[in-house]
Amino acid sequence: MTSPVRSVRLAELAEEPMVLLDLPHSRDYFQRIFSSAGVTPTVRYRSAVTTPALAVVLLTAANTRPTRRAQAIAQLCRERLRILTE
């Protein structure tokens, strides 16, 4: 059974640590998105290195329930991966 899709506002993610792909077009793209929403992201790490696609693993600690943010990200990953494999 899939969870209902819920929109997440950028402001809800502002305090979450972010890895910024620090290449000219990518950096500018993400800065424009956050800026247009009036949000300053919390950039924890920067990377100017591109890597091949990696497997995605979503884990939840035993006897815990993921936050709404974590649930939304997990649902987004499932949807995107499903689109890529169809």
N, C-alpha and C. Protein backbone atom coordinates (compact mmCIF):
# COMPACT_ATOMS: atom_id res chain seq x y z
N MET A 1 0.85 -1.18 0.00
CA MET A 1 0.00 0.00 0.00
C MET A 1 0.89 1.23 0.00
N THR A 2 0.65 2.13 -0.92
CA THR A 2 1.48 3.33 -1.00
C THR A 2 0.88 4.45 -0.16
N SER A 3 1.74 5.30 0.34
CA SER A 3 1.30 6.45 1.13
C SER A 3 0.77 7.52 0.18
N PRO A 4 -0.16 8.34 0.67
CA PRO A 4 -0.64 9.43 -0.18
C PRO A 4 0.51 10.41 -0.44
N VAL A 5 0.53 10.98 -1.62
CA VAL A 5 1.58 11.93 -1.98
C VAL A 5 1.29 13.26 -1.30
N ARG A 6 2.31 13.82 -0.69
CA ARG A 6 2.17 15.10 -0.01
C ARG A 6 3.26 16.03 -0.52
N SER A 7 2.90 17.25 -0.80
CA SER A 7 3.88 18.24 -1.23
C SER A 7 4.71 18.68 -0.04
N VAL A 8 5.96 18.98 -0.32
CA VAL A 8 6.86 19.49 0.72
C VAL A 8 7.36 20.85 0.26
N ARG A 9 7.18 21.85 1.10
CA ARG A 9 7.65 23.19 0.75
C ARG A 9 9.15 23.28 1.01
N LEU A 10 9.82 24.06 0.18
CA LEU A 10 11.26 24.22 0.37
C LEU A 10 11.59 24.75 1.76
N ALA A 11 10.74 25.59 2.30
CA ALA A 11 10.98 26.13 3.64
C ALA A 11 11.07 25.01 4.67
N GLU A 12 10.34 23.90 4.46
CA GLU A 12 10.40 22.77 5.38
C GLU A 12 11.74 22.06 5.32
N LEU A 13 12.44 22.19 4.20
CA LEU A 13 13.72 21.53 4.02
C LEU A 13 14.91 22.43 4.31
N ALA A 14 14.66 23.70 4.54
CA ALA A 14 15.74 24.69 4.68
C ALA A 14 16.76 24.32 5.74
N GLU A 15 16.33 23.76 6.84
CA GLU A 15 17.27 23.43 7.92
C GLU A 15 17.90 22.05 7.78
N GLU A 16 17.42 21.29 6.80
CA GLU A 16 18.01 19.97 6.57
C GLU A 16 19.35 20.15 5.87
N PRO A 17 20.38 19.37 6.25
CA PRO A 17 21.67 19.51 5.58
C PRO A 17 21.57 19.10 4.11
N MET A 18 22.28 19.84 3.27
CA MET A 18 22.21 19.62 1.83
C MET A 18 23.60 19.40 1.27
N VAL A 19 23.70 18.53 0.29
CA VAL A 19 24.93 18.37 -0.48
C VAL A 19 24.70 19.11 -1.79
N LEU A 20 25.48 20.15 -2.04
CA LEU A 20 25.32 20.96 -3.24
C LEU A 20 26.27 20.48 -4.32
N LEU A 21 25.73 20.14 -5.47
CA LEU A 21 26.57 19.81 -6.62
C LEU A 21 27.09 21.15 -7.13
N ASP A 22 28.34 21.44 -6.81
CA ASP A 22 28.91 22.76 -7.02
C ASP A 22 29.56 22.90 -8.39
N LEU A 23 28.75 22.70 -9.42
CA LEU A 23 29.16 22.93 -10.80
C LEU A 23 28.35 24.11 -11.30
N PRO A 24 28.88 24.91 -12.23
CA PRO A 24 28.22 26.16 -12.61
C PRO A 24 26.71 26.05 -12.86
N HIS A 25 26.27 25.19 -13.73
CA HIS A 25 24.84 25.15 -14.04
C HIS A 25 24.01 24.59 -12.89
N SER A 26 24.50 23.56 -12.25
CA SER A 26 23.76 22.95 -11.13
C SER A 26 23.67 23.90 -9.95
N ARG A 27 24.79 24.50 -9.58
CA ARG A 27 24.82 25.42 -8.44
C ARG A 27 23.85 26.58 -8.69
N ASP A 28 23.92 27.17 -9.89
CA ASP A 28 23.06 28.31 -10.20
C ASP A 28 21.59 27.92 -10.21
N TYR A 29 21.30 26.74 -10.74
CA TYR A 29 19.93 26.24 -10.80
C TYR A 29 19.33 26.12 -9.40
N PHE A 30 20.05 25.44 -8.49
CA PHE A 30 19.52 25.24 -7.14
C PHE A 30 19.46 26.55 -6.36
N GLN A 31 20.43 27.43 -6.57
CA GLN A 31 20.39 28.72 -5.88
C GLN A 31 19.18 29.53 -6.33
N ARG A 32 18.86 29.48 -7.62
CA ARG A 32 17.67 30.20 -8.12
C ARG A 32 16.38 29.62 -7.53
N ILE A 33 16.30 28.31 -7.45
CA ILE A 33 15.08 27.68 -6.90
C ILE A 33 14.87 28.10 -5.45
N PHE A 34 15.91 27.99 -4.64
CA PHE A 34 15.77 28.36 -3.23
C PHE A 34 15.53 29.87 -3.08
N SER A 35 16.24 30.65 -3.85
CA SER A 35 16.09 32.10 -3.77
C SER A 35 14.67 32.54 -4.15
N SER A 36 14.12 31.94 -5.20
CA SER A 36 12.77 32.31 -5.63
C SER A 36 11.73 31.97 -4.57
N ALA A 37 12.05 31.01 -3.71
CA ALA A 37 11.13 30.64 -2.62
C ALA A 37 11.44 31.42 -1.35
N GLY A 38 12.48 32.29 -1.40
CA GLY A 38 12.85 33.07 -0.23
C GLY A 38 13.49 32.23 0.85
N VAL A 39 14.16 31.16 0.45
CA VAL A 39 14.74 30.20 1.38
C VAL A 39 16.25 30.13 1.20
N THR A 40 16.97 30.07 2.31
CA THR A 40 18.41 29.86 2.25
C THR A 40 18.69 28.43 2.69
N PRO A 41 19.22 27.59 1.80
CA PRO A 41 19.46 26.20 2.16
C PRO A 41 20.64 26.07 3.13
N THR A 42 20.65 24.99 3.88
CA THR A 42 21.75 24.68 4.78
C THR A 42 22.69 23.76 4.01
N VAL A 43 23.68 24.36 3.35
CA VAL A 43 24.63 23.57 2.57
C VAL A 43 25.68 23.03 3.52
N ARG A 44 25.66 21.73 3.72
CA ARG A 44 26.60 21.08 4.63
C ARG A 44 27.87 20.69 3.89
N TYR A 45 27.70 20.22 2.66
CA TYR A 45 28.84 19.79 1.85
C TYR A 45 28.68 20.30 0.43
N ARG A 46 29.80 20.47 -0.24
CA ARG A 46 29.82 20.85 -1.65
C ARG A 46 30.65 19.82 -2.40
N SER A 47 30.23 19.52 -3.61
CA SER A 47 30.99 18.59 -4.42
C SER A 47 31.03 19.10 -5.85
N ALA A 48 32.22 19.13 -6.41
CA ALA A 48 32.37 19.51 -7.81
C ALA A 48 32.72 18.28 -8.64
N VAL A 49 32.53 17.12 -8.04
CA VAL A 49 32.87 15.87 -8.70
C VAL A 49 31.57 15.14 -9.02
N THR A 50 31.45 14.72 -10.26
CA THR A 50 30.29 13.91 -10.62
C THR A 50 30.68 12.45 -10.52
N THR A 51 29.76 11.63 -10.12
CA THR A 51 30.01 10.20 -9.97
C THR A 51 28.96 9.42 -10.73
N PRO A 52 29.24 8.18 -11.05
CA PRO A 52 28.20 7.37 -11.69
C PRO A 52 27.03 7.16 -10.73
N ALA A 53 25.91 6.80 -11.26
CA ALA A 53 24.72 6.57 -10.44
C ALA A 53 25.01 5.53 -9.37
N LEU A 54 24.46 5.75 -8.20
CA LEU A 54 24.64 4.84 -7.07
C LEU A 54 23.30 4.23 -6.68
N ALA A 55 23.35 3.11 -6.05
CA ALA A 55 22.12 2.50 -5.53
C ALA A 55 21.60 3.36 -4.38
N VAL A 56 20.30 3.41 -4.25
CA VAL A 56 19.68 4.17 -3.17
C VAL A 56 19.16 3.18 -2.14
N VAL A 57 19.52 3.41 -0.89
CA VAL A 57 19.05 2.57 0.21
C VAL A 57 18.42 3.49 1.25
N LEU A 58 17.18 3.22 1.61
CA LEU A 58 16.49 3.99 2.63
C LEU A 58 16.33 3.11 3.86
N LEU A 59 16.85 3.56 4.98
CA LEU A 59 16.81 2.78 6.21
C LEU A 59 16.01 3.50 7.28
N THR A 60 15.40 2.71 8.14
CA THR A 60 14.71 3.23 9.30
C THR A 60 15.18 2.42 10.50
N ALA A 61 15.54 3.11 11.57
CA ALA A 61 15.99 2.42 12.77
C ALA A 61 14.84 1.58 13.34
N ALA A 62 15.19 0.45 13.93
CA ALA A 62 14.18 -0.44 14.51
C ALA A 62 13.37 0.28 15.57
N ASN A 63 12.09 0.00 15.60
CA ASN A 63 11.18 0.56 16.61
C ASN A 63 11.07 2.07 16.56
N THR A 64 11.27 2.64 15.38
CA THR A 64 11.10 4.08 15.21
C THR A 64 10.19 4.33 14.02
N ARG A 65 9.66 5.51 13.96
CA ARG A 65 8.83 5.89 12.82
C ARG A 65 9.51 7.07 12.13
N PRO A 66 9.67 7.00 10.80
CA PRO A 66 10.32 8.12 10.11
C PRO A 66 9.51 9.40 10.25
N THR A 67 10.20 10.53 10.23
CA THR A 67 9.52 11.82 10.27
C THR A 67 8.71 12.00 8.99
N ARG A 68 7.83 12.98 8.98
CA ARG A 68 7.06 13.25 7.77
C ARG A 68 7.99 13.63 6.62
N ARG A 69 9.04 14.35 6.93
CA ARG A 69 10.00 14.73 5.88
C ARG A 69 10.66 13.49 5.29
N ALA A 70 11.09 12.59 6.16
CA ALA A 70 11.73 11.37 5.68
C ALA A 70 10.76 10.53 4.87
N GLN A 71 9.51 10.46 5.29
CA GLN A 71 8.49 9.71 4.54
C GLN A 71 8.28 10.33 3.16
N ALA A 72 8.25 11.67 3.11
CA ALA A 72 8.05 12.36 1.83
C ALA A 72 9.22 12.10 0.88
N ILE A 73 10.45 12.14 1.40
CA ILE A 73 11.62 11.87 0.57
C ILE A 73 11.60 10.43 0.08
N ALA A 74 11.25 9.50 0.95
CA ALA A 74 11.19 8.09 0.56
C ALA A 74 10.16 7.88 -0.54
N GLN A 75 9.01 8.52 -0.41
CA GLN A 75 7.96 8.40 -1.43
C GLN A 75 8.44 8.99 -2.75
N LEU A 76 9.09 10.14 -2.70
CA LEU A 76 9.61 10.76 -3.92
C LEU A 76 10.63 9.85 -4.60
N CYS A 77 11.51 9.24 -3.82
CA CYS A 77 12.49 8.31 -4.39
C CYS A 77 11.80 7.13 -5.06
N ARG A 78 10.80 6.58 -4.40
CA ARG A 78 10.08 5.45 -4.99
C ARG A 78 9.44 5.83 -6.32
N GLU A 79 8.81 7.02 -6.34
CA GLU A 79 8.15 7.46 -7.57
C GLU A 79 9.16 7.69 -8.69
N ARG A 80 10.26 8.36 -8.38
CA ARG A 80 11.26 8.65 -9.40
C ARG A 80 11.90 7.38 -9.93
N LEU A 81 12.20 6.45 -9.04
CA LEU A 81 12.81 5.19 -9.47
C LEU A 81 11.84 4.38 -10.32
N ARG A 82 10.56 4.42 -9.97
CA ARG A 82 9.56 3.71 -10.75
C ARG A 82 9.48 4.29 -12.16
N ILE A 83 9.53 5.62 -12.28
CA ILE A 83 9.48 6.28 -13.59
C ILE A 83 10.70 5.88 -14.41
N LEU A 84 11.87 5.81 -13.79
CA LEU A 84 13.11 5.48 -14.51
C LEU A 84 13.13 4.04 -14.99
N THR A 85 12.44 3.15 -14.28
CA THR A 85 12.50 1.74 -14.64
C THR A 85 11.34 1.29 -15.53
N GLU A 86 10.40 2.17 -15.80
CA GLU A 86 9.26 1.80 -16.65
C GLU A 86 9.63 1.86 -18.11
